[in-house]
Amino acid sequence: MITINLYYTGKNGSARKFAQEMERSGIADAIRKEPGNLRYQYFMPMDDEETVLLIDAWRDQEAIDRHHASAMMKELAALREKYDLHMKAERYISEEFGNDEQYIRK
């Protein structure tokens, strides 16, 4: 699994408005239904009202590449532009927990 944390930052609440419009417009739900998408969820940091975190997880790089080539990306890019957002990304590739599993409370 590949997880990408995207931090959207704007001014005057624009990042939160962007996330709300992504949900209301159905774009976020459409992305969640794409083959290979495992998670697409927005979070708001408690200490930064101008940033929204998107946790975006995919089965593999092929699924991400298909997503990036989809027509939906144009809609998403237009919304980013509308809200004048800047982004920072972090990428993680998941591995088996191994011995760490004992520390995970389920």
C-alpha atoms as a PDB file:
ATOM      1  CA  MET A   1       0.000   0.000   0.000  1.00  0.00           C
ATOM      2  CA  ILE A   2       1.159   3.524  -0.777  1.00  0.00           C
ATOM      3  CA  THR A   3      -0.101   6.330   1.444  1.00  0.00           C
ATOM      4  CA  ILE A   4       0.252   9.974   0.538  1.00  0.00           C
ATOM      5  CA  ASN A   5      -0.343  12.684   3.103  1.00  0.00           C
ATOM      6  CA  LEU A   6      -1.250  15.910   1.336  1.00  0.00           C
ATOM      7  CA  TYR A   7      -1.283  19.108   3.360  1.00  0.00           C
ATOM      8  CA  TYR A   8      -3.434  21.780   1.724  1.00  0.00           C
ATOM      9  CA  THR A   9      -2.764  25.279   3.070  1.00  0.00           C
ATOM     10  CA  GLY A  10      -4.569  28.483   2.211  1.00  0.00           C
ATOM     11  CA  LYS A  11      -5.847  31.692   3.776  1.00  0.00           C
ATOM     12  CA  ASN A  12      -9.092  32.734   5.431  1.00  0.00           C
ATOM     13  CA  GLY A  13     -10.387  29.178   5.742  1.00  0.00           C
ATOM     14  CA  SER A  14      -9.928  28.330   2.061  1.00  0.00           C
ATOM     15  CA  ALA A  15      -8.412  24.883   2.722  1.00  0.00           C
ATOM     16  CA  ARG A  16     -11.426  23.826   4.758  1.00  0.00           C
ATOM     17  CA  LYS A  17     -13.797  25.272   2.159  1.00  0.00           C
ATOM     18  CA  PHE A  18     -11.939  23.264  -0.497  1.00  0.00           C
ATOM     19  CA  ALA A  19     -12.353  20.014   1.480  1.00  0.00           C
ATOM     20  CA  GLN A  20     -16.036  20.767   2.068  1.00  0.00           C
ATOM     21  CA  GLU A  21     -16.587  21.369  -1.646  1.00  0.00           C
ATOM     22  CA  MET A  22     -14.719  18.173  -2.532  1.00  0.00           C
ATOM     23  CA  GLU A  23     -17.160  16.277  -0.310  1.00  0.00           C
ATOM     24  CA  ARG A  24     -20.319  18.163  -1.353  1.00  0.00           C
ATOM     25  CA  SER A  25     -19.557  17.979  -5.069  1.00  0.00           C
ATOM     26  CA  GLY A  26     -19.094  14.205  -5.010  1.00  0.00           C
ATOM     27  CA  ILE A  27     -15.499  14.341  -6.271  1.00  0.00           C
ATOM     28  CA  ALA A  28     -14.158  12.807  -3.054  1.00  0.00           C
ATOM     29  CA  ASP A  29     -16.690   9.952  -3.213  1.00  0.00           C
ATOM     30  CA  ALA A  30     -15.852   9.319  -6.865  1.00  0.00           C
ATOM     31  CA  ILE A  31     -12.151   9.067  -5.978  1.00  0.00           C
ATOM     32  CA  ARG A  32     -12.975   6.630  -3.158  1.00  0.00           C
ATOM     33  CA  LYS A  33     -14.706   4.403  -5.735  1.00  0.00           C
ATOM     34  CA  GLU A  34     -11.726   4.313  -8.099  1.00  0.00           C
ATOM     35  CA  PRO A  35     -10.089   0.890  -8.469  1.00  0.00           C
ATOM     36  CA  GLY A  36      -7.204   0.597  -6.043  1.00  0.00           C
ATOM     37  CA  ASN A  37      -8.215   3.424  -3.710  1.00  0.00           C
ATOM     38  CA  LEU A  38      -8.035   2.285  -0.091  1.00  0.00           C
ATOM     39  CA  ARG A  39      -8.570   5.581   1.726  1.00  0.00           C
ATOM     40  CA  TYR A  40      -9.393   9.184   0.887  1.00  0.00           C
ATOM     41  CA  GLN A  41     -10.131  11.167   4.011  1.00  0.00           C
ATOM     42  CA  TYR A  42      -9.691  14.763   5.155  1.00  0.00           C
ATOM     43  CA  PHE A  43      -8.541  15.825   8.636  1.00  0.00           C
ATOM     44  CA  MET A  44      -8.157  19.242  10.238  1.00  0.00           C
ATOM     45  CA  PRO A  45      -5.138  19.868  12.503  1.00  0.00           C
ATOM     46  CA  MET A  46      -6.122  21.244  15.901  1.00  0.00           C
ATOM     47  CA  ASP A  47      -3.259  23.754  15.898  1.00  0.00           C
ATOM     48  CA  ASP A  48      -3.569  25.100  12.342  1.00  0.00           C
ATOM     49  CA  GLU A  49      -6.909  26.368  11.066  1.00  0.00           C
ATOM     50  CA  GLU A  50      -5.481  27.165   7.627  1.00  0.00           C
ATOM     51  CA  THR A  51      -4.371  23.609   6.799  1.00  0.00           C
ATOM     52  CA  VAL A  52      -6.256  20.446   5.872  1.00  0.00           C
ATOM     53  CA  LEU A  53      -4.607  17.028   5.767  1.00  0.00           C
ATOM     54  CA  LEU A  54      -5.725  14.525   3.154  1.00  0.00           C
ATOM     55  CA  ILE A  55      -4.733  10.910   3.773  1.00  0.00           C
ATOM     56  CA  ASP A  56      -4.836   9.251   0.372  1.00  0.00           C
ATOM     57  CA  ALA A  57      -3.977   5.520   0.217  1.00  0.00           C
ATOM     58  CA  TRP A  58      -3.712   3.307  -2.866  1.00  0.00           C
ATOM     59  CA  ARG A  59      -3.077  -0.381  -3.512  1.00  0.00           C
ATOM     60  CA  ASP A  60      -0.061   0.311  -5.732  1.00  0.00           C
ATOM     61  CA  GLN A  61       1.608   2.820  -8.044  1.00  0.00           C
ATOM     62  CA  GLU A  62      -0.486   1.674 -11.030  1.00  0.00           C
ATOM     63  CA  ALA A  63      -3.673   2.702  -9.198  1.00  0.00           C
ATOM     64  CA  ILE A  64      -2.165   6.117  -8.417  1.00  0.00           C
ATOM     65  CA  ASP A  65      -1.103   6.561 -12.042  1.00  0.00           C
ATOM     66  CA  ARG A  66      -4.640   5.720 -13.267  1.00  0.00           C
ATOM     67  CA  HIS A  67      -6.056   8.227 -10.772  1.00  0.00           C
ATOM     68  CA  HIS A  68      -3.654  10.954 -11.934  1.00  0.00           C
ATOM     69  CA  ALA A  69      -4.628  10.283 -15.577  1.00  0.00           C
ATOM     70  CA  SER A  70      -8.376  10.463 -14.860  1.00  0.00           C
ATOM     71  CA  ALA A  71     -10.632  13.330 -15.945  1.00  0.00           C
ATOM     72  CA  MET A  72     -11.406  13.912 -12.266  1.00  0.00           C
ATOM     73  CA  MET A  73      -7.919  15.368 -11.771  1.00  0.00           C
ATOM     74  CA  LYS A  74      -8.898  18.389 -13.886  1.00  0.00           C
ATOM     75  CA  GLU A  75     -11.843  19.074 -11.583  1.00  0.00           C
ATOM     76  CA  LEU A  76      -9.636  18.658  -8.532  1.00  0.00           C
ATOM     77  CA  ALA A  77      -6.957  20.959  -9.962  1.00  0.00           C
ATOM     78  CA  ALA A  78      -9.596  23.593 -10.749  1.00  0.00           C
ATOM     79  CA  LEU A  79     -10.792  23.537  -7.142  1.00  0.00           C
ATOM     80  CA  ARG A  80      -7.236  23.850  -5.840  1.00  0.00           C
ATOM     81  CA  GLU A  81      -6.816  26.883  -8.080  1.00  0.00           C
ATOM     82  CA  LYS A  82     -10.198  28.344  -7.034  1.00  0.00           C
ATOM     83  CA  TYR A  83      -9.154  28.248  -3.381  1.00  0.00           C
ATOM     84  CA  ASP A  84      -5.528  29.271  -4.087  1.00  0.00           C
ATOM     85  CA  LEU A  85      -4.096  26.337  -2.147  1.00  0.00           C
ATOM     86  CA  HIS A  86      -0.481  25.385  -1.663  1.00  0.00           C
ATOM     87  CA  MET A  87       0.518  21.804  -0.997  1.00  0.00           C
ATOM     88  CA  LYS A  88       3.100  19.728   0.788  1.00  0.00           C
ATOM     89  CA  ALA A  89       3.234  15.954   0.267  1.00  0.00           C
ATOM     90  CA  GLU A  90       4.648  13.010   2.190  1.00  0.00           C
ATOM     91  CA  ARG A  91       4.742   9.521   0.707  1.00  0.00           C
ATOM     92  CA  TYR A  92       4.839   6.258   2.680  1.00  0.00           C
ATOM     93  CA  ILE A  93       5.065   2.665   1.524  1.00  0.00           C
ATOM     94  CA  SER A  94       3.540   0.236   4.025  1.00  0.00           C
ATOM     95  CA  GLU A  95       5.270  -2.896   5.168  1.00  0.00           C
ATOM     96  CA  GLU A  96       4.142  -5.724   7.407  1.00  0.00           C
ATOM     97  CA  PHE A  97       4.158  -4.809  11.087  1.00  0.00           C
ATOM     98  CA  GLY A  98       6.284  -7.765  12.179  1.00  0.00           C
ATOM     99  CA  ASN A  99       7.014  -7.495  15.906  1.00  0.00           C
ATOM    100  CA  ASP A 100       5.357  -4.070  16.137  1.00  0.00           C
ATOM    101  CA  GLU A 101       1.913  -5.717  15.889  1.00  0.00           C
ATOM    102  CA  GLN A 102       2.020  -6.393  19.650  1.00  0.00           C
ATOM    103  CA  TYR A 103       1.869  -2.624  20.289  1.00  0.00           C
ATOM    104  CA  ILE A 104      -1.227  -2.018  18.182  1.00  0.00           C
ATOM    105  CA  ARG A 105      -4.429  -2.072  20.214  1.00  0.00           C
ATOM    106  CA  LYS A 106      -7.403  -3.179  18.137  1.00  0.00           C
END
